[in-house]
């Protein structure tokens, strides 16, 4: 398997304005790495943990454009 990399923009280090960075997903290990541009720090998690966090924090897309109450 291979790794997929994506350029992203966001508040990647929780401080200051949005900045550019890279998200890398290693398909074979299920690891997700985020590295803010110009930083030596990398943030790492698993696809499993990311999926759980996304569901638990209410990032659901409602079918047919339905609005949440």
C-alpha atoms as a PDB file:
ATOM      1  CA  UNK A   1       0.000   0.000   0.000  1.00  0.00           C
ATOM      2  CA  UNK A   2       1.012   3.604  -0.365  1.00  0.00           C
ATOM      3  CA  UNK A   3       0.740   6.898   1.405  1.00  0.00           C
ATOM      4  CA  UNK A   4      -1.440   9.777   0.204  1.00  0.00           C
ATOM      5  CA  UNK A   5      -0.495  13.391   0.945  1.00  0.00           C
ATOM      6  CA  UNK A   6      -2.727  16.456   0.835  1.00  0.00           C
ATOM      7  CA  UNK A   7      -2.020  20.154   1.203  1.00  0.00           C
ATOM      8  CA  UNK A   8      -4.338  21.734   3.766  1.00  0.00           C
ATOM      9  CA  UNK A   9      -4.983  25.084   5.377  1.00  0.00           C
ATOM     10  CA  UNK A  10      -6.284  25.562   8.917  1.00  0.00           C
ATOM     11  CA  UNK A  11      -5.431  26.347  12.522  1.00  0.00           C
ATOM     12  CA  UNK A  12      -3.002  23.483  12.605  1.00  0.00           C
ATOM     13  CA  UNK A  13      -1.176  24.244  15.827  1.00  0.00           C
ATOM     14  CA  UNK A  14      -4.117  25.803  17.744  1.00  0.00           C
ATOM     15  CA  UNK A  15      -2.387  29.164  17.907  1.00  0.00           C
ATOM     16  CA  UNK A  16      -2.669  32.184  15.664  1.00  0.00           C
ATOM     17  CA  UNK A  17      -4.229  32.407  12.232  1.00  0.00           C
ATOM     18  CA  UNK A  18      -4.693  29.711   9.636  1.00  0.00           C
ATOM     19  CA  UNK A  19      -1.577  28.340   8.026  1.00  0.00           C
ATOM     20  CA  UNK A  20      -0.649  25.810   5.389  1.00  0.00           C
ATOM     21  CA  UNK A  21       0.406  22.278   6.120  1.00  0.00           C
ATOM     22  CA  UNK A  22       0.416  18.697   4.907  1.00  0.00           C
ATOM     23  CA  UNK A  23      -1.762  15.748   5.879  1.00  0.00           C
ATOM     24  CA  UNK A  24      -0.326  12.317   5.082  1.00  0.00           C
ATOM     25  CA  UNK A  25      -2.348   9.119   5.332  1.00  0.00           C
ATOM     26  CA  UNK A  26      -0.367   5.868   5.401  1.00  0.00           C
ATOM     27  CA  UNK A  27      -2.808   3.275   4.135  1.00  0.00           C
ATOM     28  CA  UNK A  28      -0.860   0.235   5.287  1.00  0.00           C
ATOM     29  CA  UNK A  29      -0.497   1.311   8.919  1.00  0.00           C
ATOM     30  CA  UNK A  30      -3.666   3.423   9.178  1.00  0.00           C
ATOM     31  CA  UNK A  31      -1.648   6.380  10.485  1.00  0.00           C
ATOM     32  CA  UNK A  32      -2.538  10.025   9.829  1.00  0.00           C
ATOM     33  CA  UNK A  33       0.203  12.656  10.174  1.00  0.00           C
ATOM     34  CA  UNK A  34      -0.253  16.432  10.093  1.00  0.00           C
ATOM     35  CA  UNK A  35       2.707  18.785   9.721  1.00  0.00           C
ATOM     36  CA  UNK A  36       2.281  22.562   9.743  1.00  0.00           C
ATOM     37  CA  UNK A  37       4.398  24.257   7.066  1.00  0.00           C
ATOM     38  CA  UNK A  38       7.685  25.544   8.462  1.00  0.00           C
ATOM     39  CA  UNK A  39       7.425  23.421  11.601  1.00  0.00           C
ATOM     40  CA  UNK A  40       9.432  20.407  12.702  1.00  0.00           C
ATOM     41  CA  UNK A  41       6.533  19.211  14.817  1.00  0.00           C
ATOM     42  CA  UNK A  42       4.254  16.497  13.457  1.00  0.00           C
ATOM     43  CA  UNK A  43       0.929  15.440  14.915  1.00  0.00           C
ATOM     44  CA  UNK A  44      -0.052  11.798  14.564  1.00  0.00           C
ATOM     45  CA  UNK A  45      -3.152   9.698  15.124  1.00  0.00           C
ATOM     46  CA  UNK A  46      -4.832   6.647  13.611  1.00  0.00           C
ATOM     47  CA  UNK A  47      -7.667   6.570  11.091  1.00  0.00           C
ATOM     48  CA  UNK A  48      -9.697   4.675  13.679  1.00  0.00           C
ATOM     49  CA  UNK A  49      -9.254   7.350  16.339  1.00  0.00           C
ATOM     50  CA  UNK A  50      -9.982  10.112  13.806  1.00  0.00           C
ATOM     51  CA  UNK A  51     -13.218   8.396  12.723  1.00  0.00           C
ATOM     52  CA  UNK A  52     -14.334   7.976  16.339  1.00  0.00           C
ATOM     53  CA  UNK A  53     -13.560  11.630  17.175  1.00  0.00           C
ATOM     54  CA  UNK A  54     -15.423  12.857  14.076  1.00  0.00           C
ATOM     55  CA  UNK A  55     -18.572  10.901  14.948  1.00  0.00           C
ATOM     56  CA  UNK A  56     -18.506  11.804  18.655  1.00  0.00           C
ATOM     57  CA  UNK A  57     -18.117  15.532  17.975  1.00  0.00           C
ATOM     58  CA  UNK A  58     -21.188  15.828  15.780  1.00  0.00           C
ATOM     59  CA  UNK A  59     -19.706  16.323  12.324  1.00  0.00           C
ATOM     60  CA  UNK A  60     -22.595  14.439  10.679  1.00  0.00           C
ATOM     61  CA  UNK A  61     -23.905  15.235   7.216  1.00  0.00           C
ATOM     62  CA  UNK A  62     -27.675  14.882   7.226  1.00  0.00           C
ATOM     63  CA  UNK A  63     -29.212  13.133   4.202  1.00  0.00           C
ATOM     64  CA  UNK A  64     -31.188  15.230   1.710  1.00  0.00           C
ATOM     65  CA  UNK A  65     -29.945  18.510   3.212  1.00  0.00           C
ATOM     66  CA  UNK A  66     -32.035  18.078   6.389  1.00  0.00           C
ATOM     67  CA  UNK A  67     -31.300  20.619   9.110  1.00  0.00           C
ATOM     68  CA  UNK A  68     -30.576  19.619  12.693  1.00  0.00           C
ATOM     69  CA  UNK A  69     -33.082  20.910  15.289  1.00  0.00           C
END
